[in-house]
Amino acid sequence: ALADTVEALAFKADIKARSQDRARELQAQLTEKARDVRAQVPHTAEEA
């Protein structure tokens, strides 16, 4: 229980790692959205 508590406190104190984790999550979401948008955009003038 103490090890779990210390680990949780260390995670909360490591703001840089938490921000990097969040940035990676957001980047993955944006990449997925970009793929979705690209799939909907016509690739040729004829498609448009």
All heavy atoms as atom14 arrays in JSON, in Angstrom:
{
  "sequence": "ALADTVEALAFKADIKARSQDRARELQAQLTEKARDVRAQVPHTAEEA",
  "atom14_mask": [
    [1, 1, 1, 1, 1, 0, 0, 0, 0, 0, 0, 0, 0, 0],
    [1, 1, 1, 1, 1, 1, 1, 1, 0, 0, 0, 0, 0, 0],
    [1, 1, 1, 1, 1, 0, 0, 0, 0, 0, 0, 0, 0, 0],
    [1, 1, 1, 1, 1, 1, 1, 1, 0, 0, 0, 0, 0, 0],
    [1, 1, 1, 1, 1, 1, 1, 0, 0, 0, 0, 0, 0, 0],
    [1, 1, 1, 1, 1, 1, 1, 0, 0, 0, 0, 0, 0, 0],
    [1, 1, 1, 1, 1, 1, 1, 1, 1, 0, 0, 0, 0, 0],
    [1, 1, 1, 1, 1, 0, 0, 0, 0, 0, 0, 0, 0, 0],
    [1, 1, 1, 1, 1, 1, 1, 1, 0, 0, 0, 0, 0, 0],
    [1, 1, 1, 1, 1, 0, 0, 0, 0, 0, 0, 0, 0, 0],
    [1, 1, 1, 1, 1, 1, 1, 1, 1, 1, 1, 0, 0, 0],
    [1, 1, 1, 1, 1, 1, 1, 1, 1, 0, 0, 0, 0, 0],
    [1, 1, 1, 1, 1, 0, 0, 0, 0, 0, 0, 0, 0, 0],
    [1, 1, 1, 1, 1, 1, 1, 1, 0, 0, 0, 0, 0, 0],
    [1, 1, 1, 1, 1, 1, 1, 1, 0, 0, 0, 0, 0, 0],
    [1, 1, 1, 1, 1, 1, 1, 1, 1, 0, 0, 0, 0, 0],
    [1, 1, 1, 1, 1, 0, 0, 0, 0, 0, 0, 0, 0, 0],
    [1, 1, 1, 1, 1, 1, 1, 1, 1, 1, 1, 0, 0, 0],
    [1, 1, 1, 1, 1, 1, 0, 0, 0, 0, 0, 0, 0, 0],
    [1, 1, 1, 1, 1, 1, 1, 1, 1, 0, 0, 0, 0, 0],
    [1, 1, 1, 1, 1, 1, 1, 1, 0, 0, 0, 0, 0, 0],
    [1, 1, 1, 1, 1, 1, 1, 1, 1, 1, 1, 0, 0, 0],
    [1, 1, 1, 1, 1, 0, 0, 0, 0, 0, 0, 0, 0, 0],
    [1, 1, 1, 1, 1, 1, 1, 1, 1, 1, 1, 0, 0, 0],
    [1, 1, 1, 1, 1, 1, 1, 1, 1, 0, 0, 0, 0, 0],
    [1, 1, 1, 1, 1, 1, 1, 1, 0, 0, 0, 0, 0, 0],
    [1, 1, 1, 1, 1, 1, 1, 1, 1, 0, 0, 0, 0, 0],
    [1, 1, 1, 1, 1, 0, 0, 0, 0, 0, 0, 0, 0, 0],
    [1, 1, 1, 1, 1, 1, 1, 1, 1, 0, 0, 0, 0, 0],
    [1, 1, 1, 1, 1, 1, 1, 1, 0, 0, 0, 0, 0, 0],
    [1, 1, 1, 1, 1, 1, 1, 0, 0, 0, 0, 0, 0, 0],
    [1, 1, 1, 1, 1, 1, 1, 1, 1, 0, 0, 0, 0, 0],
    [1, 1, 1, 1, 1, 1, 1, 1, 1, 0, 0, 0, 0, 0],
    [1, 1, 1, 1, 1, 0, 0, 0, 0, 0, 0, 0, 0, 0],
    [1, 1, 1, 1, 1, 1, 1, 1, 1, 1, 1, 0, 0, 0],
    [1, 1, 1, 1, 1, 1, 1, 1, 0, 0, 0, 0, 0, 0],
    [1, 1, 1, 1, 1, 1, 1, 0, 0, 0, 0, 0, 0, 0],
    [1, 1, 1, 1, 1, 1, 1, 1, 1, 1, 1, 0, 0, 0],
    [1, 1, 1, 1, 1, 0, 0, 0, 0, 0, 0, 0, 0, 0],
    [1, 1, 1, 1, 1, 1, 1, 1, 1, 0, 0, 0, 0, 0],
    [1, 1, 1, 1, 1, 1, 1, 0, 0, 0, 0, 0, 0, 0],
    [1, 1, 1, 1, 1, 1, 1, 0, 0, 0, 0, 0, 0, 0],
    [1, 1, 1, 1, 1, 1, 1, 1, 1, 1, 0, 0, 0, 0],
    [1, 1, 1, 1, 1, 1, 1, 0, 0, 0, 0, 0, 0, 0],
    [1, 1, 1, 1, 1, 0, 0, 0, 0, 0, 0, 0, 0, 0],
    [1, 1, 1, 1, 1, 1, 1, 1, 1, 0, 0, 0, 0, 0],
    [1, 1, 1, 1, 1, 1, 1, 1, 1, 0, 0, 0, 0, 0],
    [1, 1, 1, 1, 1, 0, 0, 0, 0, 0, 0, 0, 0, 0]
  ],
  "atom14_positions": [
    [[0.83, -1.2, 0.0], [0.0, 0.0, 0.0], [0.87, 1.25, 0.0], [0.59, 2.22, -0.71], [-0.94, -0.01, 1.21], [0.0, 0.0, 0.0], [0.0, 0.0, 0.0], [0.0, 0.0, 0.0], [0.0, 0.0, 0.0], [0.0, 0.0, 0.0], [0.0, 0.0, 0.0], [0.0, 0.0, 0.0], [0.0, 0.0, 0.0], [0.0, 0.0, 0.0]],
    [[1.93, 1.23, 0.79], [2.84, 2.38, 0.85], [3.54, 2.59, -0.49], [3.67, 3.72, -0.98], [3.85, 2.17, 1.97], [4.83, 3.31, 2.22], [4.07, 4.6, 2.54], [5.77, 2.96, 3.36], [0.0, 0.0, 0.0], [0.0, 0.0, 0.0], [0.0, 0.0, 0.0], [0.0, 0.0, 0.0], [0.0, 0.0, 0.0], [0.0, 0.0, 0.0]],
    [[3.95, 1.5, -1.11], [4.61, 1.6, -2.43], [3.66, 2.2, -3.45], [4.05, 3.06, -4.25], [5.1, 0.23, -2.88], [0.0, 0.0, 0.0], [0.0, 0.0, 0.0], [0.0, 0.0, 0.0], [0.0, 0.0, 0.0], [0.0, 0.0, 0.0], [0.0, 0.0, 0.0], [0.0, 0.0, 0.0], [0.0, 0.0, 0.0], [0.0, 0.0, 0.0]],
    [[2.39, 1.77, -3.44], [1.4, 2.33, -4.36], [1.21, 3.82, -4.11], [1.11, 4.62, -5.05], [0.06, 1.6, -4.22], [0.12, 0.17, -4.74], [1.09, -0.17, -5.46], [-0.81, -0.6, -4.41], [0.0, 0.0, 0.0], [0.0, 0.0, 0.0], [0.0, 0.0, 0.0], [0.0, 0.0, 0.0], [0.0, 0.0, 0.0], [0.0, 0.0, 0.0]],
    [[1.15, 4.2, -2.84], [0.96, 5.62, -2.5], [2.15, 6.45, -2.95], [1.98, 7.52, -3.54], [0.75, 5.76, -0.98], [-0.37, 4.98, -0.59], [0.53, 7.21, -0.59], [0.0, 0.0, 0.0], [0.0, 0.0, 0.0], [0.0, 0.0, 0.0], [0.0, 0.0, 0.0], [0.0, 0.0, 0.0], [0.0, 0.0, 0.0], [0.0, 0.0, 0.0]],
    [[3.35, 5.96, -2.7], [4.56, 6.69, -3.11], [4.6, 6.82, -4.63], [4.91, 7.88, -5.17], [5.82, 5.99, -2.56], [7.07, 6.54, -3.22], [5.89, 6.12, -1.06], [0.0, 0.0, 0.0], [0.0, 0.0, 0.0], [0.0, 0.0, 0.0], [0.0, 0.0, 0.0], [0.0, 0.0, 0.0], [0.0, 0.0, 0.0], [0.0, 0.0, 0.0]],
    [[4.24, 5.75, -5.33], [4.23, 5.78, -6.8], [3.22, 6.81, -7.32], [3.5, 7.58, -8.24], [3.89, 4.4, -7.34], [4.03, 4.27, -8.83], [3.75, 2.84, -9.29], [4.22, 1.9, -8.64], [3.06, 2.7, -10.31], [0.0, 0.0, 0.0], [0.0, 0.0, 0.0], [0.0, 0.0, 0.0], [0.0, 0.0, 0.0], [0.0, 0.0, 0.0]],
    [[2.03, 6.84, -6.7], [1.01, 7.81, -7.11], [1.47, 9.23, -6.84], [1.28, 10.14, -7.66], [-0.3, 7.53, -6.38], [0.0, 0.0, 0.0], [0.0, 0.0, 0.0], [0.0, 0.0, 0.0], [0.0, 0.0, 0.0], [0.0, 0.0, 0.0], [0.0, 0.0, 0.0], [0.0, 0.0, 0.0], [0.0, 0.0, 0.0], [0.0, 0.0, 0.0]],
    [[2.1, 9.45, -5.7], [2.59, 10.8, -5.38], [3.72, 11.21, -6.32], [3.79, 12.36, -6.76], [3.07, 10.86, -3.92], [1.96, 10.8, -2.87], [2.57, 10.67, -1.47], [1.08, 12.04, -2.96], [0.0, 0.0, 0.0], [0.0, 0.0, 0.0], [0.0, 0.0, 0.0], [0.0, 0.0, 0.0], [0.0, 0.0, 0.0], [0.0, 0.0, 0.0]],
    [[4.59, 10.27, -6.64], [5.68, 10.58, -7.58], [5.13, 10.94, -8.94], [5.6, 11.88, -9.6], [6.63, 9.38, -7.68], [0.0, 0.0, 0.0], [0.0, 0.0, 0.0], [0.0, 0.0, 0.0], [0.0, 0.0, 0.0], [0.0, 0.0, 0.0], [0.0, 0.0, 0.0], [0.0, 0.0, 0.0], [0.0, 0.0, 0.0], [0.0, 0.0, 0.0]],
    [[4.1, 10.23, -9.38], [3.49, 10.53, -10.66], [2.87, 11.93, -10.64], [3.04, 12.69, -11.58], [2.41, 9.49, -11.0], [1.68, 9.79, -12.27], [2.28, 9.59, -13.5], [0.39, 10.3, -12.24], [1.61, 9.88, -14.67], [-0.29, 10.58, -13.4], [0.32, 10.37, -14.63], [0.0, 0.0, 0.0], [0.0, 0.0, 0.0], [0.0, 0.0, 0.0]],
    [[2.16, 12.26, -9.57], [1.55, 13.59, -9.47], [2.61, 14.68, -9.45], [2.4, 15.77, -9.97], [0.67, 13.69, -8.22], [-0.65, 13.01, -8.38], [-1.54, 13.3, -7.19], [-2.91, 12.72, -7.43], [-3.85, 13.12, -6.4], [0.0, 0.0, 0.0], [0.0, 0.0, 0.0], [0.0, 0.0, 0.0], [0.0, 0.0, 0.0], [0.0, 0.0, 0.0]],
    [[3.74, 14.4, -8.83], [4.79, 15.41, -8.72], [5.55, 15.57, -10.04], [6.16, 16.62, -10.28], [5.76, 15.03, -7.6], [0.0, 0.0, 0.0], [0.0, 0.0, 0.0], [0.0, 0.0, 0.0], [0.0, 0.0, 0.0], [0.0, 0.0, 0.0], [0.0, 0.0, 0.0], [0.0, 0.0, 0.0], [0.0, 0.0, 0.0], [0.0, 0.0, 0.0]],
    [[5.52, 14.57, -10.9], [6.27, 14.63, -12.17], [5.42, 15.29, -13.24], [4.88, 14.64, -14.14], [6.69, 13.22, -12.58], [7.73, 13.24, -13.69], [8.07, 14.33, -14.19], [8.18, 12.15, -14.08], [0.0, 0.0, 0.0], [0.0, 0.0, 0.0], [0.0, 0.0, 0.0], [0.0, 0.0, 0.0], [0.0, 0.0, 0.0], [0.0, 0.0, 0.0]],
    [[5.33, 16.6, -13.17], [4.48, 17.37, -14.08], [4.98, 17.26, -15.51], [4.2, 17.15, -16.44], [4.4, 18.83, -13.61], [3.68, 18.87, -12.27], [3.69, 19.69, -14.63], [3.74, 20.2, -11.58], [0.0, 0.0, 0.0], [0.0, 0.0, 0.0], [0.0, 0.0, 0.0], [0.0, 0.0, 0.0], [0.0, 0.0, 0.0], [0.0, 0.0, 0.0]],
    [[6.29, 17.24, -15.67], [6.84, 17.17, -17.03], [6.41, 15.88, -17.72], [5.97, 15.9, -18.88], [8.37, 17.25, -16.96], [9.04, 17.23, -18.31], [10.54, 17.34, -18.19], [11.2, 17.27, -19.54], [12.66, 17.33, -19.45], [0.0, 0.0, 0.0], [0.0, 0.0, 0.0], [0.0, 0.0, 0.0], [0.0, 0.0, 0.0], [0.0, 0.0, 0.0]],
    [[6.51, 14.76, -17.04], [6.12, 13.48, -17.64], [4.62, 13.46, -17.92], [4.2, 12.96, -18.98], [6.5, 12.32, -16.73], [0.0, 0.0, 0.0], [0.0, 0.0, 0.0], [0.0, 0.0, 0.0], [0.0, 0.0, 0.0], [0.0, 0.0, 0.0], [0.0, 0.0, 0.0], [0.0, 0.0, 0.0], [0.0, 0.0, 0.0], [0.0, 0.0, 0.0]],
    [[3.82, 14.0, -17.01], [2.38, 14.03, -17.23], [2.05, 14.9, -18.43], [1.19, 14.56, -19.24], [1.67, 14.55, -15.97], [1.68, 13.51, -14.87], [1.13, 13.99, -13.55], [-0.1, 14.73, -13.67], [-0.51, 15.6, -12.76], [0.19, 15.82, -11.68], [-1.64, 16.25, -12.91], [0.0, 0.0, 0.0], [0.0, 0.0, 0.0], [0.0, 0.0, 0.0]],
    [[2.73, 16.03, -18.58], [2.47, 16.9, -19.73], [2.88, 16.21, -21.02], [2.19, 16.32, -22.03], [3.23, 18.22, -19.68], [3.52, 18.64, -18.43], [0.0, 0.0, 0.0], [0.0, 0.0, 0.0], [0.0, 0.0, 0.0], [0.0, 0.0, 0.0], [0.0, 0.0, 0.0], [0.0, 0.0, 0.0], [0.0, 0.0, 0.0], [0.0, 0.0, 0.0]],
    [[3.99, 15.5, -20.99], [4.42, 14.79, -22.19], [3.44, 13.68, -22.55], [3.13, 13.48, -23.74], [5.83, 14.21, -21.99], [6.9, 15.27, -21.95], [8.26, 14.72, -21.55], [8.36, 13.64, -20.98], [9.3, 15.49, -21.84], [0.0, 0.0, 0.0], [0.0, 0.0, 0.0], [0.0, 0.0, 0.0], [0.0, 0.0, 0.0], [0.0, 0.0, 0.0]],
    [[2.93, 12.98, -21.54], [1.92, 11.95, -21.8], [0.69, 12.56, -22.44], [0.15, 12.05, -23.42], [1.51, 11.23, -20.5], [2.58, 10.31, -19.97], [3.53, 9.99, -20.72], [2.47, 9.9, -18.79], [0.0, 0.0, 0.0], [0.0, 0.0, 0.0], [0.0, 0.0, 0.0], [0.0, 0.0, 0.0], [0.0, 0.0, 0.0], [0.0, 0.0, 0.0]],
    [[0.24, 13.68, -21.9], [-0.96, 14.35, -22.43], [-0.7, 14.85, -23.86], [-1.56, 14.74, -24.73], [-1.36, 15.51, -21.51], [-2.6, 16.22, -21.95], [-3.83, 15.34, -21.8], [-5.0, 16.11, -22.2], [-5.99, 15.63, -22.91], [-6.0, 14.37, -23.27], [-6.99, 16.4, -23.26], [0.0, 0.0, 0.0], [0.0, 0.0, 0.0], [0.0, 0.0, 0.0]],
    [[0.5, 15.39, -24.09], [0.84, 15.87, -25.43], [0.83, 14.72, -26.44], [0.33, 14.87, -27.56], [2.22, 16.54, -25.42], [0.0, 0.0, 0.0], [0.0, 0.0, 0.0], [0.0, 0.0, 0.0], [0.0, 0.0, 0.0], [0.0, 0.0, 0.0], [0.0, 0.0, 0.0], [0.0, 0.0, 0.0], [0.0, 0.0, 0.0], [0.0, 0.0, 0.0]],
    [[1.34, 13.55, -26.02], [1.31, 12.38, -26.92], [-0.13, 11.95, -27.21], [-0.46, 11.62, -28.34], [2.1, 11.23, -26.31], [3.61, 11.35, -26.52], [4.32, 10.07, -26.13], [4.38, 9.87, -24.69], [5.33, 10.38, -23.9], [6.3, 11.11, -24.41], [5.31, 10.15, -22.6], [0.0, 0.0, 0.0], [0.0, 0.0, 0.0], [0.0, 0.0, 0.0]],
    [[-0.98, 11.99, -26.18], [-2.39, 11.63, -26.39], [-3.04, 12.59, -27.39], [-3.74, 12.16, -28.32], [-3.15, 11.7, -25.07], [-2.86, 10.58, -24.11], [-3.55, 10.81, -22.77], [-4.51, 11.61, -22.7], [-3.13, 10.17, -21.79], [0.0, 0.0, 0.0], [0.0, 0.0, 0.0], [0.0, 0.0, 0.0], [0.0, 0.0, 0.0], [0.0, 0.0, 0.0]],
    [[-2.82, 13.89, -27.2], [-3.42, 14.88, -28.08], [-2.88, 14.75, -29.5], [-3.63, 14.88, -30.47], [-3.18, 16.29, -27.55], [-3.93, 16.63, -26.26], [-3.49, 17.99, -25.74], [-5.43, 16.62, -26.5], [0.0, 0.0, 0.0], [0.0, 0.0, 0.0], [0.0, 0.0, 0.0], [0.0, 0.0, 0.0], [0.0, 0.0, 0.0], [0.0, 0.0, 0.0]],
    [[-1.59, 14.48, -29.62], [-0.99, 14.31, -30.95], [-1.62, 13.12, -31.66], [-1.92, 13.18, -32.85], [0.52, 14.13, -30.83], [1.22, 14.05, -32.17], [2.72, 13.93, -32.01], [3.23, 13.62, -30.94], [3.44, 14.19, -33.08], [0.0, 0.0, 0.0], [0.0, 0.0, 0.0], [0.0, 0.0, 0.0], [0.0, 0.0, 0.0], [0.0, 0.0, 0.0]],
    [[-1.83, 12.04, -30.93], [-2.46, 10.86, -31.54], [-3.88, 11.18, -31.98], [-4.31, 10.76, -33.06], [-2.45, 9.69, -30.54], [0.0, 0.0, 0.0], [0.0, 0.0, 0.0], [0.0, 0.0, 0.0], [0.0, 0.0, 0.0], [0.0, 0.0, 0.0], [0.0, 0.0, 0.0], [0.0, 0.0, 0.0], [0.0, 0.0, 0.0], [0.0, 0.0, 0.0]],
    [[-4.61, 11.93, -31.15], [-5.98, 12.31, -31.52], [-5.98, 13.19, -32.77], [-6.8, 13.0, -33.67], [-6.66, 13.05, -30.37], [-7.02, 12.17, -29.2], [-7.57, 12.98, -28.03], [-7.7, 14.2, -28.09], [-7.88, 12.28, -26.95], [0.0, 0.0, 0.0], [0.0, 0.0, 0.0], [0.0, 0.0, 0.0], [0.0, 0.0, 0.0], [0.0, 0.0, 0.0]],
    [[-5.07, 14.15, -32.83], [-4.99, 15.04, -33.99], [-4.61, 14.26, -35.26], [-5.14, 14.52, -36.33], [-3.99, 16.16, -33.73], [-4.45, 17.24, -32.76], [-3.32, 18.22, -32.48], [-5.66, 17.98, -33.3], [0.0, 0.0, 0.0], [0.0, 0.0, 0.0], [0.0, 0.0, 0.0], [0.0, 0.0, 0.0], [0.0, 0.0, 0.0], [0.0, 0.0, 0.0]],
    [[-3.69, 13.34, -35.11], [-3.28, 12.52, -36.26], [-4.47, 11.73, -36.79], [-4.69, 11.65, -38.0], [-2.13, 11.58, -35.86], [-1.04, 12.36, -35.38], [-1.69, 10.72, -37.01], [0.0, 0.0, 0.0], [0.0, 0.0, 0.0], [0.0, 0.0, 0.0], [0.0, 0.0, 0.0], [0.0, 0.0, 0.0], [0.0, 0.0, 0.0], [0.0, 0.0, 0.0]],
    [[-5.24, 11.16, -35.87], [-6.42, 10.39, -36.28], [-7.44, 11.29, -36.97], [-8.0, 10.92, -38.0], [-7.05, 9.72, -35.05], [-8.2, 8.82, -35.37], [-7.82, 7.61, -36.21], [-6.66, 7.15, -36.13], [-8.68, 7.12, -36.96], [0.0, 0.0, 0.0], [0.0, 0.0, 0.0], [0.0, 0.0, 0.0], [0.0, 0.0, 0.0], [0.0, 0.0, 0.0]],
    [[-7.67, 12.49, -36.42], [-8.61, 13.43, -37.05], [-8.12, 13.82, -38.43], [-8.9, 13.9, -39.37], [-8.77, 14.69, -36.19], [-9.55, 14.48, -34.94], [-11.01, 14.46, -35.25], [-11.8, 14.36, -33.96], [-13.18, 14.03, -34.17], [0.0, 0.0, 0.0], [0.0, 0.0, 0.0], [0.0, 0.0, 0.0], [0.0, 0.0, 0.0], [0.0, 0.0, 0.0]],
    [[-6.82, 14.07, -38.57], [-6.26, 14.44, -39.87], [-6.48, 13.33, -40.89], [-6.83, 13.58, -42.04], [-4.77, 14.77, -39.74], [0.0, 0.0, 0.0], [0.0, 0.0, 0.0], [0.0, 0.0, 0.0], [0.0, 0.0, 0.0], [0.0, 0.0, 0.0], [0.0, 0.0, 0.0], [0.0, 0.0, 0.0], [0.0, 0.0, 0.0], [0.0, 0.0, 0.0]],
    [[-6.29, 12.08, -40.46], [-6.54, 10.95, -41.35], [-8.0, 10.92, -41.79], [-8.3, 10.69, -42.96], [-6.21, 9.64, -40.64], [-4.82, 9.17, -40.89], [-4.63, 7.73, -40.4], [-3.33, 7.69, -39.76], [-3.1, 7.44, -38.48], [-4.08, 7.12, -37.67], [-1.89, 7.45, -37.99], [0.0, 0.0, 0.0], [0.0, 0.0, 0.0], [0.0, 0.0, 0.0]],
    [[-8.9, 11.15, -40.84], [-10.33, 11.15, -41.16], [-10.66, 12.24, -42.18], [-11.4, 12.01, -43.13], [-11.18, 11.35, -39.9], [-11.11, 10.16, -38.96], [-10.62, 9.09, -39.37], [-11.52, 10.33, -37.79], [0.0, 0.0, 0.0], [0.0, 0.0, 0.0], [0.0, 0.0, 0.0], [0.0, 0.0, 0.0], [0.0, 0.0, 0.0], [0.0, 0.0, 0.0]],
    [[-10.1, 13.43, -41.97], [-10.38, 14.55, -42.88], [-9.8, 14.26, -44.25], [-10.45, 14.49, -45.27], [-9.81, 15.87, -42.3], [-9.83, 16.98, -43.32], [-10.6, 16.27, -41.06], [0.0, 0.0, 0.0], [0.0, 0.0, 0.0], [0.0, 0.0, 0.0], [0.0, 0.0, 0.0], [0.0, 0.0, 0.0], [0.0, 0.0, 0.0], [0.0, 0.0, 0.0]],
    [[-8.55, 13.76, -44.29], [-7.94, 13.44, -45.57], [-8.75, 12.39, -46.34], [-8.83, 12.43, -47.56], [-6.51, 12.93, -45.38], [-5.5, 14.04, -45.44], [-4.08, 13.51, -45.49], [-3.42, 13.98, -44.28], [-2.94, 13.21, -43.32], [-2.96, 11.91, -43.43], [-2.38, 13.72, -42.25], [0.0, 0.0, 0.0], [0.0, 0.0, 0.0], [0.0, 0.0, 0.0]],
    [[-9.34, 11.47, -45.62], [-10.14, 10.43, -46.28], [-11.39, 11.02, -46.92], [-11.91, 10.48, -47.89], [-10.52, 9.34, -45.28], [0.0, 0.0, 0.0], [0.0, 0.0, 0.0], [0.0, 0.0, 0.0], [0.0, 0.0, 0.0], [0.0, 0.0, 0.0], [0.0, 0.0, 0.0], [0.0, 0.0, 0.0], [0.0, 0.0, 0.0], [0.0, 0.0, 0.0]],
    [[-11.88, 12.13, -46.38], [-13.11, 12.74, -46.89], [-12.84, 13.74, -48.01], [-13.75, 14.07, -48.76], [-13.86, 13.43, -45.76], [-14.37, 12.47, -44.72], [-14.97, 13.17, -43.53], [-14.97, 14.39, -43.45], [-15.48, 12.41, -42.59], [0.0, 0.0, 0.0], [0.0, 0.0, 0.0], [0.0, 0.0, 0.0], [0.0, 0.0, 0.0], [0.0, 0.0, 0.0]],
    [[-11.62, 14.23, -48.12], [-11.29, 15.24, -49.13], [-11.08, 14.54, -50.47], [-10.4, 13.52, -50.55], [-10.0, 15.99, -48.73], [-9.52, 16.91, -49.83], [-10.23, 16.77, -47.45], [0.0, 0.0, 0.0], [0.0, 0.0, 0.0], [0.0, 0.0, 0.0], [0.0, 0.0, 0.0], [0.0, 0.0, 0.0], [0.0, 0.0, 0.0], [0.0, 0.0, 0.0]],
    [[-11.68, 15.09, -51.53], [-11.48, 14.47, -52.85], [-10.01, 14.57, -53.27], [-9.35, 15.58, -53.04], [-12.37, 15.28, -53.78], [-12.81, 16.48, -53.03], [-12.54, 16.24, -51.58], [0.0, 0.0, 0.0], [0.0, 0.0, 0.0], [0.0, 0.0, 0.0], [0.0, 0.0, 0.0], [0.0, 0.0, 0.0], [0.0, 0.0, 0.0], [0.0, 0.0, 0.0]],
    [[-9.51, 13.5, -53.87], [-8.1, 13.46, -54.24], [-7.84, 13.96, -55.66], [-6.72, 14.3, -56.0], [-7.56, 12.03, -54.1], [-7.62, 11.54, -52.69], [-6.82, 12.02, -51.68], [-8.42, 10.61, -52.1], [-7.11, 11.42, -50.55], [-8.08, 10.55, -50.78], [0.0, 0.0, 0.0], [0.0, 0.0, 0.0], [0.0, 0.0, 0.0], [0.0, 0.0, 0.0]],
    [[-8.88, 14.0, -56.47], [-8.7, 14.46, -57.85], [-9.79, 15.49, -58.16], [-10.8, 15.59, -57.47], [-8.83, 13.3, -58.85], [-10.17, 12.79, -58.8], [-7.84, 12.19, -58.56], [0.0, 0.0, 0.0], [0.0, 0.0, 0.0], [0.0, 0.0, 0.0], [0.0, 0.0, 0.0], [0.0, 0.0, 0.0], [0.0, 0.0, 0.0], [0.0, 0.0, 0.0]],
    [[-9.55, 16.23, -59.21], [-10.53, 17.23, -59.64], [-11.82, 16.54, -60.04], [-12.92, 17.04, -59.79], [-9.97, 18.05, -60.79], [0.0, 0.0, 0.0], [0.0, 0.0, 0.0], [0.0, 0.0, 0.0], [0.0, 0.0, 0.0], [0.0, 0.0, 0.0], [0.0, 0.0, 0.0], [0.0, 0.0, 0.0], [0.0, 0.0, 0.0], [0.0, 0.0, 0.0]],
    [[-11.71, 15.36, -60.63], [-12.91, 14.62, -61.05], [-13.75, 14.21, -59.84], [-14.97, 14.31, -59.86], [-12.51, 13.39, -61.88], [-13.68, 12.68, -62.51], [-14.55, 13.59, -63.37], [-14.01, 14.43, -64.12], [-15.79, 13.47, -63.28], [0.0, 0.0, 0.0], [0.0, 0.0, 0.0], [0.0, 0.0, 0.0], [0.0, 0.0, 0.0], [0.0, 0.0, 0.0]],
    [[-13.08, 13.78, -58.76], [-13.82, 13.43, -57.54], [-14.53, 14.66, -56.98], [-15.68, 14.58, -56.54], [-12.87, 12.88, -56.48], [-12.41, 11.46, -56.72], [-11.48, 10.97, -55.62], [-11.5, 11.52, -54.5], [-10.73, 10.03, -55.88], [0.0, 0.0, 0.0], [0.0, 0.0, 0.0], [0.0, 0.0, 0.0], [0.0, 0.0, 0.0], [0.0, 0.0, 0.0]],
    [[-13.84, 15.81, -57.01], [-14.44, 17.04, -56.5], [-15.66, 17.42, -57.34], [-16.7, 17.82, -56.79], [-13.41, 18.17, -56.52], [0.0, 0.0, 0.0], [0.0, 0.0, 0.0], [0.0, 0.0, 0.0], [0.0, 0.0, 0.0], [0.0, 0.0, 0.0], [0.0, 0.0, 0.0], [0.0, 0.0, 0.0], [0.0, 0.0, 0.0], [0.0, 0.0, 0.0]]
  ]
}
